[in-house]
Amino acid sequence: MLKRLTLLLIAALVTLPALSGCGYNQIQKNEEAVFAAWANVEATYQRRNDLIPNLVETVKGYAAHEKETLEAVTKARASVGQTQINTGDLANPAALQKFQQAQGALSGALSRLLVVAERYPDLKANQNFLDLQHQLEGTENRINVARQRYNAAVQNFNGSIRTFPNNLTNNYLLHLERKEPFKAEAGAETAPKVKF
C-alpha cells in the first residue's frame, strides 16, 4: 500500500510540471480571461439598455409626436434583450454576428433619437435629458473599450491554442475552440457622407 502511494506521488510530481510546461494551465487562464472580458462587454451593453427607458420617457415628454422614432428605439432595445450570448457561444461566428447586428440596430435607433432631439430646443435645454445624453455618450465609450479588451483577450487565447506545444495540449486534452472577436460592421470602412 505504501509502495503504491509512493508511486502515485512520484507520478503526480512528474506529471504536474509537464502539464504546466505544455500550456495546460495557461490555456485555461486565457480562456477565463476571454470570459471575464465578455462579461465586461455585456455589463456595458446592459448599462446602455438601462439608460434607454429614461431617455425615451424624457424625449416623449417634449416630442410626443415623434412616435415612430421612439417606437424604433423601444423595439431595438427589445430585440437586443432577445439576442444574448452565453460564453459557450463565443466560438460561434453566427451567434456573435447576430448579437452585433442587434446592438448595431439599437445604436442606429439611438442616433436617430438624438438627431430628433435636436429639433426641440426645450428638450435640449432639459437638464435630465442632458444628463442622460452625457451618460449615454460615456457608455458608448465604455462599450468601445470593453470590446477592444475582449478582442485582445481573444487574440491572446487564440494564439495560445495555436502555438506549439500548447496546440498539442489543446488538441489532445482540452479540445477548446477558437473564440470569435468583434469585427467591424459591414460598410464601416466607408466614411459617412455629410450633406448640408
Foldseek 3Di string as FASTA:
>chain_A
DVVVVVVVVVVCVVVVVVCVVQCVVVLVVLLVLLQVLVVLLVVLVVLLLVLLVLLLVLVCVQCVVVVVLSVQLVVLSVLLVVLDDHSVCQLPPVSVVSNVVSVVSNVVSVVVSVVVQVVGPVSVPDPSNVVSVVVNVVSVVSSVVSLVSSQVSLVVSVVQCPDPPNVVCCVPPPVDHRGDGDDDDPPPVPDDDDDD
